Amino acid sequence: MSSIDDAVLGAATAALFDALTAGAAPPARGQAPFPMGPDPQLPSYYIQRGRPAMAREDFLSASCLDAGEFGQRLAACWLAAGRPALAAQAPLAAETAAALHALYVQARPEAELSPYIYQMF
């Protein structure tokens, strides 16, 4: 059971949700938001990968020191993926993450970890 009230979580995340979903509507009336059938100009749905397997480095990345750095890295990631509209929302995402972390810190107990914790699992 969560010790953080759902209404508080909703208030903390509402602005980010609205910002990220605002552009989800089709740009013009009657236009589909995603392809409704195959593109006759493409020979195949399949894409040949440049590298057939991932390397260890693909799974490693440095951690973020604070919410500001998280926002910068998120924006860079979305820009690299060709999503400038999402990249513009990265500061709001970082601000929301910081607010949610503050709620978590406020709600968690300040007690020391029990020495018997390993016996519980």
Foldseek 3Di string as FASTA:
>chain_A
DDQFDPVLLCVLCVVVVCLVCVPQDDPDPPDDSDDPDDDPVDPDPDDDDPDPDDDPVVPDDDDDPALVSQLVVVLVVCVVVVNNSVNVCSNVVSSSVVVVVVSVVVRDDPDDDDPCVVVVD
